[in-house]
């Protein structure tokens, strides 16, 4: 077999492994960002609920 074909295949596999690693890092970052947004939403929800309860008392 031609070694050039193996070199091309190896290069493509290395590129895919690199892309996969990048995607895993991005996925981790996005999960952390999502968790922060969920926590922020809960804080806003609690504040809105508190305001609504105050308005009910008027």
PDB file of N, CA and C in Angstrom:
ATOM      1  N   UNK A   1       0.835  -1.183   0.000  1.00  0.00           N
ATOM      2  CA  UNK A   1       0.000   0.000   0.000  1.00  0.00           C
ATOM      3  C   UNK A   1       0.877   1.242   0.000  1.00  0.00           C
ATOM      4  N   UNK A   2       0.285   2.277  -0.448  1.00  0.00           N
ATOM      5  CA  UNK A   2       0.996   3.541  -0.563  1.00  0.00           C
ATOM      6  C   UNK A   2       1.017   4.248   0.790  1.00  0.00           C
ATOM      7  N   UNK A   3       2.177   4.630   1.235  1.00  0.00           N
ATOM      8  CA  UNK A   3       2.288   5.303   2.538  1.00  0.00           C
ATOM      9  C   UNK A   3       1.640   6.682   2.507  1.00  0.00           C
ATOM     10  N   UNK A   4       1.521   7.256   1.346  1.00  0.00           N
ATOM     11  CA  UNK A   4       0.881   8.571   1.232  1.00  0.00           C
ATOM     12  C   UNK A   4      -0.584   8.494   1.681  1.00  0.00           C
ATOM     13  N   UNK A   5      -1.250   7.410   1.354  1.00  0.00           N
ATOM     14  CA  UNK A   5      -2.639   7.241   1.774  1.00  0.00           C
ATOM     15  C   UNK A   5      -2.753   7.146   3.293  1.00  0.00           C
ATOM     16  N   UNK A   6      -1.800   6.418   3.902  1.00  0.00           N
ATOM     17  CA  UNK A   6      -1.794   6.325   5.361  1.00  0.00           C
ATOM     18  C   UNK A   6      -1.503   7.675   5.998  1.00  0.00           C
ATOM     19  N   UNK A   7      -0.620   8.443   5.386  1.00  0.00           N
ATOM     20  CA  UNK A   7      -0.318   9.781   5.904  1.00  0.00           C
ATOM     21  C   UNK A   7      -1.547  10.686   5.845  1.00  0.00           C
ATOM     22  N   UNK A   8      -2.289  10.602   4.755  1.00  0.00           N
ATOM     23  CA  UNK A   8      -3.510  11.395   4.613  1.00  0.00           C
ATOM     24  C   UNK A   8      -4.533  10.965   5.654  1.00  0.00           C
ATOM     25  N   UNK A   9      -4.704   9.655   5.794  1.00  0.00           N
ATOM     26  CA  UNK A   9      -5.652   9.131   6.779  1.00  0.00           C
ATOM     27  C   UNK A   9      -5.264   9.554   8.189  1.00  0.00           C
ATOM     28  N   UNK A  10      -3.976   9.435   8.501  1.00  0.00           N
ATOM     29  CA  UNK A  10      -3.491   9.825   9.826  1.00  0.00           C
ATOM     30  C   UNK A  10      -3.740  11.305  10.079  1.00  0.00           C
ATOM     31  N   UNK A  11      -3.505  12.130   9.075  1.00  0.00           N
ATOM     32  CA  UNK A  11      -3.706  13.563   9.204  1.00  0.00           C
ATOM     33  C   UNK A  11      -5.180  13.877   9.450  1.00  0.00           C
ATOM     34  N   UNK A  12      -6.056  13.198   8.722  1.00  0.00           N
ATOM     35  CA  UNK A  12      -7.483  13.432   8.903  1.00  0.00           C
ATOM     36  C   UNK A  12      -7.946  12.975  10.283  1.00  0.00           C
ATOM     37  N   UNK A  13      -7.449  11.857  10.747  1.00  0.00           N
ATOM     38  CA  UNK A  13      -7.812  11.363  12.075  1.00  0.00           C
ATOM     39  C   UNK A  13      -7.315  12.316  13.153  1.00  0.00           C
ATOM     40  N   UNK A  14      -6.100  12.814  13.011  1.00  0.00           N
ATOM     41  CA  UNK A  14      -5.574  13.770  13.982  1.00  0.00           C
ATOM     42  C   UNK A  14      -6.427  15.033  14.002  1.00  0.00           C
ATOM     43  N   UNK A  15      -6.875  15.479  12.834  1.00  0.00           N
ATOM     44  CA  UNK A  15      -7.746  16.652  12.763  1.00  0.00           C
ATOM     45  C   UNK A  15      -9.069  16.403  13.468  1.00  0.00           C
ATOM     46  N   UNK A  16      -9.627  15.209  13.265  1.00  0.00           N
ATOM     47  CA  UNK A  16     -10.896  14.867  13.910  1.00  0.00           C
ATOM     48  C   UNK A  16     -10.746  14.774  15.429  1.00  0.00           C
ATOM     49  N   UNK A  17      -9.632  14.200  15.879  1.00  0.00           N
ATOM     50  CA  UNK A  17      -9.381  14.108  17.323  1.00  0.00           C
ATOM     51  C   UNK A  17      -9.250  15.513  17.912  1.00  0.00           C
ATOM     52  N   UNK A  18      -8.578  16.391  17.204  1.00  0.00           N
ATOM     53  CA  UNK A  18      -8.432  17.780  17.655  1.00  0.00           C
ATOM     54  C   UNK A  18      -9.794  18.454  17.720  1.00  0.00           C
ATOM     55  N   UNK A  19     -10.616  18.269  16.682  1.00  0.00           N
ATOM     56  CA  UNK A  19     -11.957  18.855  16.665  1.00  0.00           C
ATOM     57  C   UNK A  19     -12.806  18.313  17.822  1.00  0.00           C
ATOM     58  N   UNK A  20     -12.696  17.020  18.074  1.00  0.00           N
ATOM     59  CA  UNK A  20     -13.452  16.409  19.165  1.00  0.00           C
ATOM     60  C   UNK A  20     -13.038  16.999  20.514  1.00  0.00           C
ATOM     61  N   UNK A  21     -11.758  17.174  20.710  1.00  0.00           N
ATOM     62  CA  UNK A  21     -11.255  17.771  21.948  1.00  0.00           C
ATOM     63  C   UNK A  21     -11.795  19.187  22.115  1.00  0.00           C
ATOM     64  N   UNK A  22     -11.757  19.966  21.020  1.00  0.00           N
ATOM     65  CA  UNK A  22     -12.291  21.331  21.071  1.00  0.00           C
ATOM     66  C   UNK A  22     -13.785  21.324  21.409  1.00  0.00           C
ATOM     67  N   UNK A  23     -14.535  20.415  20.807  1.00  0.00           N
ATOM     68  CA  UNK A  23     -15.971  20.336  21.066  1.00  0.00           C
ATOM     69  C   UNK A  23     -16.265  19.938  22.512  1.00  0.00           C
ATOM     70  N   UNK A  24     -15.464  19.050  23.070  1.00  0.00           N
ATOM     71  CA  UNK A  24     -15.648  18.662  24.464  1.00  0.00           C
ATOM     72  C   UNK A  24     -15.390  19.846  25.394  1.00  0.00           C
ATOM     73  N   UNK A  25     -14.359  20.630  25.096  1.00  0.00           N
ATOM     74  CA  UNK A  25     -14.068  21.819  25.908  1.00  0.00           C
ATOM     75  C   UNK A  25     -15.196  22.836  25.803  1.00  0.00           C
ATOM     76  N   UNK A  26     -15.696  23.045  24.587  1.00  0.00           N
ATOM     77  CA  UNK A  26     -16.799  23.985  24.393  1.00  0.00           C
ATOM     78  C   UNK A  26     -18.058  23.494  25.108  1.00  0.00           C
ATOM     79  N   UNK A  27     -18.310  22.205  25.057  1.00  0.00           N
ATOM     80  CA  UNK A  27     -19.462  21.632  25.733  1.00  0.00           C
ATOM     81  C   UNK A  27     -19.377  21.865  27.240  1.00  0.00           C
ATOM     82  N   UNK A  28     -18.201  21.679  27.806  1.00  0.00           N
ATOM     83  CA  UNK A  28     -18.001  21.916  29.234  1.00  0.00           C
ATOM     84  C   UNK A  28     -18.250  23.381  29.570  1.00  0.00           C
ATOM     85  N   UNK A  29     -17.716  24.267  28.747  1.00  0.00           N
ATOM     86  CA  UNK A  29     -17.905  25.709  28.968  1.00  0.00           C
ATOM     87  C   UNK A  29     -19.384  26.077  28.890  1.00  0.00           C
ATOM     88  N   UNK A  30     -20.075  25.536  27.902  1.00  0.00           N
ATOM     89  CA  UNK A  30     -21.492  25.849  27.734  1.00  0.00           C
ATOM     90  C   UNK A  30     -22.337  25.289  28.876  1.00  0.00           C
ATOM     91  N   UNK A  31     -21.968  24.114  29.380  1.00  0.00           N
ATOM     92  CA  UNK A  31     -22.690  23.557  30.523  1.00  0.00           C
ATOM     93  C   UNK A  31     -22.529  24.454  31.754  1.00  0.00           C
ATOM     94  N   UNK A  32     -21.313  24.956  31.969  1.00  0.00           N
ATOM     95  CA  UNK A  32     -21.060  25.848  33.098  1.00  0.00           C
ATOM     96  C   UNK A  32     -21.832  27.155  32.932  1.00  0.00           C
ATOM     97  N   UNK A  33     -21.832  27.691  31.718  1.00  0.00           N
ATOM     98  CA  UNK A  33     -22.567  28.919  31.444  1.00  0.00           C
ATOM     99  C   UNK A  33     -24.068  28.700  31.652  1.00  0.00           C
ATOM    100  N   UNK A  34     -24.565  27.580  31.183  1.00  0.00           N
ATOM    101  CA  UNK A  34     -25.974  27.248  31.350  1.00  0.00           C
ATOM    102  C   UNK A  34     -26.334  27.149  32.830  1.00  0.00           C
ATOM    103  N   UNK A  35     -25.481  26.523  33.614  1.00  0.00           N
ATOM    104  CA  UNK A  35     -25.735  26.393  35.050  1.00  0.00           C
ATOM    105  C   UNK A  35     -25.791  27.767  35.705  1.00  0.00           C
ATOM    106  N   UNK A  36     -24.901  28.655  35.305  1.00  0.00           N
ATOM    107  CA  UNK A  36     -24.929  30.013  35.836  1.00  0.00           C
ATOM    108  C   UNK A  36     -26.211  30.737  35.474  1.00  0.00           C
ATOM    109  N   UNK A  37     -26.674  30.560  34.241  1.00  0.00           N
ATOM    110  CA  UNK A  37     -27.918  31.192  33.817  1.00  0.00           C
ATOM    111  C   UNK A  37     -29.123  30.630  34.564  1.00  0.00           C
ATOM    112  N   UNK A  38     -29.099  29.343  34.835  1.00  0.00           N
ATOM    113  CA  UNK A  38     -30.185  28.728  35.606  1.00  0.00           C
ATOM    114  C   UNK A  38     -30.229  29.327  37.014  1.00  0.00           C
ATOM    115  N   UNK A  39     -29.064  29.481  37.625  1.00  0.00           N
ATOM    116  CA  UNK A  39     -29.013  30.062  38.968  1.00  0.00           C
ATOM    117  C   UNK A  39     -29.483  31.514  38.951  1.00  0.00           C
ATOM    118  N   UNK A  40     -29.069  32.257  37.926  1.00  0.00           N
ATOM    119  CA  UNK A  40     -29.489  33.650  37.799  1.00  0.00           C
ATOM    120  C   UNK A  40     -31.010  33.741  37.628  1.00  0.00           C
ATOM    121  N   UNK A  41     -31.574  32.851  36.839  1.00  0.00           N
ATOM    122  CA  UNK A  41     -33.024  32.818  36.634  1.00  0.00           C
ATOM    123  C   UNK A  41     -33.753  32.567  37.952  1.00  0.00           C
ATOM    124  N   UNK A  42     -33.219  31.653  38.765  1.00  0.00           N
ATOM    125  CA  UNK A  42     -33.842  31.353  40.060  1.00  0.00           C
ATOM    126  C   UNK A  42     -33.826  32.568  40.979  1.00  0.00           C
ATOM    127  N   UNK A  43     -32.744  33.343  40.944  1.00  0.00           N
ATOM    128  CA  UNK A  43     -32.661  34.557  41.760  1.00  0.00           C
ATOM    129  C   UNK A  43     -33.725  35.552  41.306  1.00  0.00           C
ATOM    130  N   UNK A  44     -33.836  35.754  39.987  1.00  0.00           N
ATOM    131  CA  UNK A  44     -34.851  36.672  39.466  1.00  0.00           C
ATOM    132  C   UNK A  44     -36.258  36.190  39.800  1.00  0.00           C
ATOM    133  N   UNK A  45     -36.478  34.909  39.693  1.00  0.00           N
ATOM    134  CA  UNK A  45     -37.795  34.333  39.997  1.00  0.00           C
ATOM    135  C   UNK A  45     -38.157  34.598  41.459  1.00  0.00           C
ATOM    136  N   UNK A  46     -37.191  34.400  42.355  1.00  0.00           N
ATOM    137  CA  UNK A  46     -37.445  34.638  43.776  1.00  0.00           C
ATOM    138  C   UNK A  46     -37.758  36.110  44.030  1.00  0.00           C
ATOM    139  N   UNK A  47     -37.048  37.003  43.360  1.00  0.00           N
ATOM    140  CA  UNK A  47     -37.297  38.438  43.538  1.00  0.00           C
ATOM    141  C   UNK A  47     -38.665  38.828  43.009  1.00  0.00           C
ATOM    142  N   UNK A  48     -39.032  38.286  41.865  1.00  0.00           N
ATOM    143  CA  UNK A  48     -40.349  38.583  41.281  1.00  0.00           C
ATOM    144  C   UNK A  48     -41.453  38.044  42.180  1.00  0.00           C
ATOM    145  N   UNK A  49     -41.279  36.839  42.683  1.00  0.00           N
ATOM    146  CA  UNK A  49     -42.278  36.272  43.601  1.00  0.00           C
ATOM    147  C   UNK A  49     -42.439  37.148  44.842  1.00  0.00           C
ATOM    148  N   UNK A  50     -41.325  37.653  45.334  1.00  0.00           N
ATOM    149  CA  UNK A  50     -41.363  38.517  46.512  1.00  0.00           C
ATOM    150  C   UNK A  50     -42.125  39.805  46.210  1.00  0.00           C
ATOM    151  N   UNK A  51     -41.879  40.398  45.068  1.00  0.00           N
ATOM    152  CA  UNK A  51     -42.571  41.627  44.669  1.00  0.00           C
ATOM    153  C   UNK A  51     -44.067  41.365  44.510  1.00  0.00           C
ATOM    154  N   UNK A  52     -44.412  40.249  43.884  1.00  0.00           N
ATOM    155  CA  UNK A  52     -45.826  39.914  43.685  1.00  0.00           C
ATOM    156  C   UNK A  52     -46.544  39.716  45.011  1.00  0.00           C
ATOM    157  N   UNK A  53     -45.888  39.107  45.963  1.00  0.00           N
ATOM    158  CA  UNK A  53     -46.495  38.920  47.283  1.00  0.00           C
ATOM    159  C   UNK A  53     -46.732  40.264  47.975  1.00  0.00           C
ATOM    160  N   UNK A  54     -45.794  41.173  47.803  1.00  0.00           N
ATOM    161  CA  UNK A  54     -45.971  42.509  48.375  1.00  0.00           C
ATOM    162  C   UNK A  54     -47.164  43.217  47.713  1.00  0.00           C
ATOM    163  N   UNK A  55     -47.292  43.058  46.417  1.00  0.00           N
ATOM    164  CA  UNK A  55     -48.394  43.700  45.709  1.00  0.00           C
ATOM    165  C   UNK A  55     -49.736  43.110  46.107  1.00  0.00           C
ATOM    166  N   UNK A  56     -49.769  41.839  46.408  1.00  0.00           N
ATOM    167  CA  UNK A  56     -51.005  41.191  46.843  1.00  0.00           C
ATOM    168  C   UNK A  56     -51.481  41.758  48.174  1.00  0.00           C
ATOM    169  N   UNK A  57     -50.552  42.214  48.964  1.00  0.00           N
ATOM    170  CA  UNK A  57     -50.891  42.764  50.275  1.00  0.00           C
ATOM    171  C   UNK A  57     -51.428  44.175  50.207  1.00  0.00           C
ATOM    172  N   UNK A  58     -51.367  44.802  49.063  1.00  0.00           N
ATOM    173  CA  UNK A  58     -51.830  46.199  48.933  1.00  0.00           C
ATOM    174  C   UNK A  58     -53.330  46.220  48.688  1.00  0.00           C
TER     175      UNK A  58
END
